[in-house]
Amino acid sequence: MLEDLKRALARVQNDYGFYIECQTNPSVALEGYSLSPDERLALTNPGKLADLLAPGNGISQLRITISGTHDWVNRVARMEAATDKGHHDSKVGLEVDAIKRASTDGDRFRAAFRLMELIG
């Protein structure tokens, strides 16, 4: 399970669309990963992920490196606090950002497809 957690964390770090899918559709996003319930919760709950990634916590035991700067927790917290319309608008904006940041055609396609589902 630990190796799959490492793979999922590496993907979360490099694929913002995947991270958003972990939040919005975790059963689909994480279906190819063998994760414990706690690992799955960390990948689907921004607060738990922040706890895992905090210096001095579990991340050092994983022996992986987290690089760059990310605002995962704050973006999702703002999205959760939004009204229904604002929530929808926030998700649309996040998917547009995911399209812009996509590093592969597959990532871009998945983000565009999620955007099309949101806007109808």
N, C-alpha and C. Protein backbone atom coordinates (compact mmCIF):
# COMPACT_ATOMS: atom_id res chain seq x y z
N MET A 1 0.81 -1.19 0.00
CA MET A 1 0.00 0.00 0.00
C MET A 1 0.86 1.25 0.00
N LEU A 2 1.96 1.24 0.71
CA LEU A 2 2.81 2.42 0.82
C LEU A 2 3.30 2.87 -0.55
N GLU A 3 3.64 1.94 -1.42
CA GLU A 3 4.12 2.31 -2.76
C GLU A 3 3.02 3.01 -3.55
N ASP A 4 1.78 2.54 -3.42
CA ASP A 4 0.69 3.21 -4.12
C ASP A 4 0.43 4.60 -3.55
N LEU A 5 0.60 4.76 -2.24
CA LEU A 5 0.46 6.10 -1.66
C LEU A 5 1.53 7.02 -2.24
N LYS A 6 2.74 6.53 -2.37
CA LYS A 6 3.82 7.34 -2.96
C LYS A 6 3.47 7.71 -4.40
N ARG A 7 2.97 6.75 -5.17
CA ARG A 7 2.59 7.03 -6.56
C ARG A 7 1.48 8.07 -6.63
N ALA A 8 0.48 7.92 -5.76
CA ALA A 8 -0.64 8.86 -5.77
C ALA A 8 -0.18 10.26 -5.34
N LEU A 9 0.67 10.35 -4.33
CA LEU A 9 1.18 11.66 -3.91
C LEU A 9 2.00 12.32 -5.01
N ALA A 10 2.80 11.53 -5.71
CA ALA A 10 3.58 12.09 -6.82
C ALA A 10 2.64 12.62 -7.90
N ARG A 11 1.56 11.91 -8.14
CA ARG A 11 0.61 12.36 -9.17
C ARG A 11 -0.15 13.60 -8.70
N VAL A 12 -0.52 13.62 -7.41
CA VAL A 12 -1.18 14.80 -6.86
C VAL A 12 -0.29 16.03 -7.04
N GLN A 13 0.99 15.85 -6.81
CA GLN A 13 1.93 16.97 -6.89
C GLN A 13 2.06 17.50 -8.32
N ASN A 14 1.94 16.63 -9.30
CA ASN A 14 2.19 17.03 -10.68
C ASN A 14 0.93 17.16 -11.54
N ASP A 15 -0.21 16.74 -11.03
CA ASP A 15 -1.43 16.72 -11.84
C ASP A 15 -2.57 17.30 -11.01
N TYR A 16 -2.76 18.61 -11.13
CA TYR A 16 -3.78 19.28 -10.33
C TYR A 16 -5.17 18.74 -10.65
N GLY A 17 -5.42 18.38 -11.90
CA GLY A 17 -6.70 17.80 -12.27
C GLY A 17 -6.97 16.50 -11.51
N PHE A 18 -5.92 15.68 -11.34
CA PHE A 18 -6.06 14.45 -10.57
C PHE A 18 -6.39 14.77 -9.12
N TYR A 19 -5.72 15.78 -8.56
CA TYR A 19 -6.01 16.16 -7.18
C TYR A 19 -7.47 16.58 -7.02
N ILE A 20 -7.97 17.39 -7.95
CA ILE A 20 -9.37 17.82 -7.89
C ILE A 20 -10.29 16.62 -8.03
N GLU A 21 -9.93 15.68 -8.90
CA GLU A 21 -10.75 14.49 -9.06
C GLU A 21 -10.75 13.65 -7.78
N CYS A 22 -9.64 13.65 -7.04
CA CYS A 22 -9.61 12.97 -5.74
C CYS A 22 -10.64 13.58 -4.80
N GLN A 23 -10.86 14.89 -4.92
CA GLN A 23 -11.82 15.58 -4.07
C GLN A 23 -13.26 15.37 -4.53
N THR A 24 -13.45 15.39 -5.84
CA THR A 24 -14.82 15.37 -6.36
C THR A 24 -15.32 13.98 -6.73
N ASN A 25 -14.42 13.07 -7.08
CA ASN A 25 -14.81 11.74 -7.50
C ASN A 25 -13.73 10.73 -7.08
N PRO A 26 -13.52 10.57 -5.77
CA PRO A 26 -12.40 9.76 -5.29
C PRO A 26 -12.46 8.29 -5.70
N SER A 27 -13.64 7.73 -5.81
CA SER A 27 -13.71 6.30 -6.16
C SER A 27 -13.14 6.05 -7.54
N VAL A 28 -13.37 6.97 -8.46
CA VAL A 28 -12.84 6.84 -9.82
C VAL A 28 -11.35 7.20 -9.84
N ALA A 29 -11.01 8.32 -9.22
CA ALA A 29 -9.63 8.80 -9.26
C ALA A 29 -8.65 7.80 -8.65
N LEU A 30 -9.06 7.14 -7.58
CA LEU A 30 -8.14 6.28 -6.83
C LEU A 30 -8.37 4.79 -7.07
N GLU A 31 -9.17 4.43 -8.06
CA GLU A 31 -9.50 3.02 -8.25
C GLU A 31 -8.29 2.16 -8.60
N GLY A 32 -7.27 2.72 -9.19
CA GLY A 32 -6.10 1.93 -9.56
C GLY A 32 -5.04 1.86 -8.48
N TYR A 33 -5.33 2.39 -7.30
CA TYR A 33 -4.36 2.44 -6.21
C TYR A 33 -4.84 1.57 -5.05
N SER A 34 -3.92 0.80 -4.49
CA SER A 34 -4.22 -0.01 -3.32
C SER A 34 -3.84 0.81 -2.09
N LEU A 35 -4.86 1.39 -1.43
CA LEU A 35 -4.62 2.32 -0.32
C LEU A 35 -5.36 1.86 0.92
N SER A 36 -4.77 2.11 2.07
CA SER A 36 -5.47 1.86 3.32
C SER A 36 -6.55 2.93 3.48
N PRO A 37 -7.52 2.72 4.36
CA PRO A 37 -8.54 3.75 4.58
C PRO A 37 -7.93 5.09 4.99
N ASP A 38 -6.88 5.09 5.83
CA ASP A 38 -6.24 6.35 6.23
C ASP A 38 -5.53 7.03 5.06
N GLU A 39 -4.89 6.23 4.21
CA GLU A 39 -4.22 6.80 3.03
C GLU A 39 -5.25 7.40 2.07
N ARG A 40 -6.33 6.69 1.87
CA ARG A 40 -7.40 7.18 0.99
C ARG A 40 -7.99 8.48 1.55
N LEU A 41 -8.20 8.53 2.84
CA LEU A 41 -8.73 9.74 3.48
C LEU A 41 -7.77 10.91 3.29
N ALA A 42 -6.48 10.66 3.42
CA ALA A 42 -5.49 11.73 3.24
C ALA A 42 -5.53 12.30 1.83
N LEU A 43 -5.82 11.46 0.85
CA LEU A 43 -5.85 11.92 -0.53
C LEU A 43 -7.18 12.55 -0.93
N THR A 44 -8.22 12.34 -0.13
CA THR A 44 -9.53 12.89 -0.46
C THR A 44 -9.95 14.02 0.46
N ASN A 45 -9.20 14.27 1.52
CA ASN A 45 -9.53 15.30 2.49
C ASN A 45 -8.37 16.29 2.56
N PRO A 46 -8.56 17.53 2.13
CA PRO A 46 -7.46 18.49 2.09
C PRO A 46 -6.78 18.71 3.44
N GLY A 47 -7.54 18.72 4.51
CA GLY A 47 -6.96 18.91 5.84
C GLY A 47 -6.06 17.75 6.23
N LYS A 48 -6.51 16.53 5.96
CA LYS A 48 -5.70 15.34 6.27
C LYS A 48 -4.44 15.31 5.40
N LEU A 49 -4.56 15.73 4.14
CA LEU A 49 -3.39 15.78 3.27
C LEU A 49 -2.39 16.81 3.80
N ALA A 50 -2.89 17.97 4.22
CA ALA A 50 -2.00 18.98 4.78
C ALA A 50 -1.29 18.45 6.03
N ASP A 51 -2.03 17.71 6.87
CA ASP A 51 -1.42 17.11 8.06
C ASP A 51 -0.32 16.13 7.67
N LEU A 52 -0.59 15.31 6.68
CA LEU A 52 0.38 14.31 6.24
C LEU A 52 1.64 14.99 5.69
N LEU A 53 1.46 16.08 4.95
CA LEU A 53 2.57 16.76 4.31
C LEU A 53 3.30 17.74 5.21
N ALA A 54 2.75 18.02 6.39
CA ALA A 54 3.38 18.98 7.29
C ALA A 54 4.74 18.46 7.76
N PRO A 55 5.74 19.36 7.85
CA PRO A 55 7.06 18.94 8.32
C PRO A 55 6.96 18.27 9.69
N GLY A 56 7.70 17.19 9.85
CA GLY A 56 7.73 16.46 11.11
C GLY A 56 6.63 15.43 11.24
N ASN A 57 5.73 15.36 10.28
CA ASN A 57 4.66 14.37 10.33
C ASN A 57 5.02 13.17 9.48
N GLY A 58 4.02 12.44 9.04
CA GLY A 58 4.21 11.18 8.34
C GLY A 58 5.03 11.24 7.07
N ILE A 59 5.13 12.39 6.44
CA ILE A 59 5.80 12.47 5.15
C ILE A 59 7.26 12.03 5.22
N SER A 60 7.94 12.31 6.31
CA SER A 60 9.35 11.92 6.40
C SER A 60 9.51 10.40 6.41
N GLN A 61 8.52 9.70 6.92
CA GLN A 61 8.57 8.25 6.94
C GLN A 61 8.36 7.65 5.55
N LEU A 62 7.76 8.42 4.65
CA LEU A 62 7.52 7.92 3.30
C LEU A 62 8.77 8.00 2.43
N ARG A 63 9.73 8.79 2.85
CA ARG A 63 10.98 8.99 2.09
C ARG A 63 10.70 9.45 0.66
N ILE A 64 9.84 10.46 0.55
CA ILE A 64 9.62 11.10 -0.73
C ILE A 64 9.85 12.58 -0.56
N THR A 65 10.06 13.25 -1.66
CA THR A 65 10.31 14.69 -1.63
C THR A 65 9.12 15.41 -2.25
N ILE A 66 8.61 16.38 -1.55
CA ILE A 66 7.56 17.23 -2.08
C ILE A 66 8.25 18.52 -2.50
N SER A 67 8.12 18.87 -3.77
CA SER A 67 8.79 20.07 -4.26
C SER A 67 7.77 21.08 -4.75
N GLY A 68 8.20 22.30 -4.90
CA GLY A 68 7.32 23.35 -5.38
C GLY A 68 6.41 23.86 -4.29
N THR A 69 5.55 24.77 -4.69
CA THR A 69 4.59 25.31 -3.73
C THR A 69 3.20 24.98 -4.23
N HIS A 70 2.34 24.66 -3.30
CA HIS A 70 0.98 24.28 -3.65
C HIS A 70 0.02 24.94 -2.69
N ASP A 71 -1.17 25.20 -3.15
CA ASP A 71 -2.21 25.81 -2.33
C ASP A 71 -3.43 24.90 -2.30
N TRP A 72 -3.19 23.60 -2.18
CA TRP A 72 -4.28 22.64 -2.23
C TRP A 72 -5.36 22.93 -1.19
N VAL A 73 -4.95 23.08 0.05
CA VAL A 73 -5.91 23.20 1.14
C VAL A 73 -6.74 24.46 0.99
N ASN A 74 -6.11 25.59 0.71
CA ASN A 74 -6.84 26.84 0.63
C ASN A 74 -7.81 26.86 -0.54
N ARG A 75 -7.45 26.31 -1.67
CA ARG A 75 -8.36 26.30 -2.81
C ARG A 75 -9.59 25.47 -2.51
N VAL A 76 -9.40 24.31 -1.95
CA VAL A 76 -10.55 23.44 -1.69
C VAL A 76 -11.40 24.01 -0.57
N ALA A 77 -10.78 24.60 0.46
CA ALA A 77 -11.55 25.19 1.54
C ALA A 77 -12.43 26.32 1.02
N ARG A 78 -11.90 27.15 0.12
CA ARG A 78 -12.72 28.22 -0.47
C ARG A 78 -13.85 27.62 -1.28
N MET A 79 -13.55 26.55 -2.00
CA MET A 79 -14.57 25.92 -2.83
C MET A 79 -15.69 25.35 -1.96
N GLU A 80 -15.34 24.71 -0.84
CA GLU A 80 -16.35 24.13 0.04
C GLU A 80 -17.21 25.19 0.70
N ALA A 81 -16.64 26.37 0.95
CA ALA A 81 -17.37 27.42 1.64
C ALA A 81 -18.30 28.20 0.71
N ALA A 82 -18.18 27.99 -0.58
CA ALA A 82 -18.95 28.75 -1.56
C ALA A 82 -20.42 28.32 -1.54
N THR A 83 -21.28 29.20 -2.02
CA THR A 83 -22.70 28.84 -2.20
C THR A 83 -22.79 27.86 -3.35
N ASP A 84 -23.98 27.32 -3.59
CA ASP A 84 -24.14 26.36 -4.68
C ASP A 84 -23.67 26.95 -6.01
N LYS A 85 -24.14 28.16 -6.34
CA LYS A 85 -23.72 28.78 -7.59
C LYS A 85 -22.23 29.09 -7.55
N GLY A 86 -21.79 29.66 -6.44
CA GLY A 86 -20.38 29.97 -6.29
C GLY A 86 -19.53 28.71 -6.33
N HIS A 87 -20.07 27.65 -5.74
CA HIS A 87 -19.38 26.36 -5.76
C HIS A 87 -19.21 25.88 -7.20
N HIS A 88 -20.28 25.97 -7.97
CA HIS A 88 -20.21 25.58 -9.38
C HIS A 88 -19.22 26.44 -10.13
N ASP A 89 -19.28 27.76 -9.92
CA ASP A 89 -18.35 28.68 -10.58
C ASP A 89 -16.90 28.39 -10.19
N SER A 90 -16.69 28.06 -8.92
CA SER A 90 -15.34 27.73 -8.46
C SER A 90 -14.83 26.48 -9.15
N LYS A 91 -15.69 25.47 -9.26
CA LYS A 91 -15.29 24.23 -9.91
C LYS A 91 -14.98 24.48 -11.39
N VAL A 92 -15.76 25.32 -12.03
CA VAL A 92 -15.50 25.66 -13.44
C VAL A 92 -14.13 26.32 -13.54
N GLY A 93 -13.86 27.28 -12.67
CA GLY A 93 -12.56 27.96 -12.68
C GLY A 93 -11.41 27.00 -12.43
N LEU A 94 -11.60 26.07 -11.51
CA LEU A 94 -10.55 25.09 -11.22
C LEU A 94 -10.28 24.20 -12.43
N GLU A 95 -11.33 23.82 -13.14
CA GLU A 95 -11.13 22.98 -14.32
C GLU A 95 -10.45 23.75 -15.45
N VAL A 96 -10.79 25.03 -15.59
CA VAL A 96 -10.11 25.86 -16.59
C VAL A 96 -8.62 25.94 -16.24
N ASP A 97 -8.32 26.14 -14.96
CA ASP A 97 -6.91 26.15 -14.53
C ASP A 97 -6.24 24.82 -14.81
N ALA A 98 -6.96 23.72 -14.57
CA ALA A 98 -6.39 22.39 -14.81
C ALA A 98 -6.07 22.20 -16.29
N ILE A 99 -6.92 22.73 -17.16
CA ILE A 99 -6.66 22.65 -18.61
C ILE A 99 -5.39 23.43 -18.94
N LYS A 100 -5.27 24.62 -18.40
CA LYS A 100 -4.11 25.46 -18.68
C LYS A 100 -2.81 24.83 -18.18
N ARG A 101 -2.89 24.13 -17.05
CA ARG A 101 -1.68 23.57 -16.43
C ARG A 101 -1.38 22.15 -16.87
N ALA A 102 -2.25 21.55 -17.63
CA ALA A 102 -2.09 20.15 -18.04
C ALA A 102 -0.77 19.96 -18.77
N SER A 103 -0.06 18.92 -18.40
CA SER A 103 1.24 18.66 -19.02
C SER A 103 1.16 17.60 -20.11
N THR A 104 0.03 16.92 -20.21
CA THR A 104 -0.14 15.90 -21.25
C THR A 104 -1.50 16.08 -21.91
N ASP A 105 -1.63 15.54 -23.09
CA ASP A 105 -2.92 15.60 -23.79
C ASP A 105 -4.00 14.87 -22.99
N GLY A 106 -3.64 13.76 -22.36
CA GLY A 106 -4.62 13.01 -21.56
C GLY A 106 -5.14 13.82 -20.39
N ASP A 107 -4.23 14.51 -19.68
CA ASP A 107 -4.65 15.35 -18.56
C ASP A 107 -5.54 16.49 -19.05
N ARG A 108 -5.17 17.08 -20.17
CA ARG A 108 -5.94 18.18 -20.75
C ARG A 108 -7.33 17.68 -21.16
N PHE A 109 -7.39 16.52 -21.77
CA PHE A 109 -8.67 15.95 -22.19
C PHE A 109 -9.57 15.69 -20.99
N ARG A 110 -9.02 15.07 -19.93
CA ARG A 110 -9.83 14.76 -18.75
C ARG A 110 -10.38 16.05 -18.11
N ALA A 111 -9.53 17.07 -18.00
CA ALA A 111 -9.98 18.34 -17.42
C ALA A 111 -11.04 18.99 -18.31
N ALA A 112 -10.85 18.94 -19.63
CA ALA A 112 -11.83 19.52 -20.55
C ALA A 112 -13.15 18.76 -20.46
N PHE A 113 -13.08 17.45 -20.34
CA PHE A 113 -14.29 16.64 -20.22
C PHE A 113 -15.05 16.98 -18.93
N ARG A 114 -14.29 17.12 -17.81
CA ARG A 114 -14.94 17.49 -16.55
C ARG A 114 -15.58 18.87 -16.67
N LEU A 115 -14.91 19.79 -17.37
CA LEU A 115 -15.45 21.13 -17.57
C LEU A 115 -16.75 21.06 -18.39
N MET A 116 -16.75 20.25 -19.44
CA MET A 116 -17.96 20.11 -20.25
C MET A 116 -19.11 19.55 -19.42
N GLU A 117 -18.81 18.61 -18.54
CA GLU A 117 -19.87 18.05 -17.68
C GLU A 117 -20.43 19.13 -16.75
N LEU A 118 -19.55 20.02 -16.26
CA LEU A 118 -20.00 21.07 -15.35
C LEU A 118 -20.88 22.10 -16.04
N ILE A 119 -20.53 22.46 -17.26
CA ILE A 119 -21.26 23.55 -17.92
C ILE A 119 -22.38 23.06 -18.84
N GLY A 120 -22.40 21.74 -19.04
CA GLY A 120 -23.51 21.15 -19.81
C GLY A 120 -23.33 21.23 -21.24
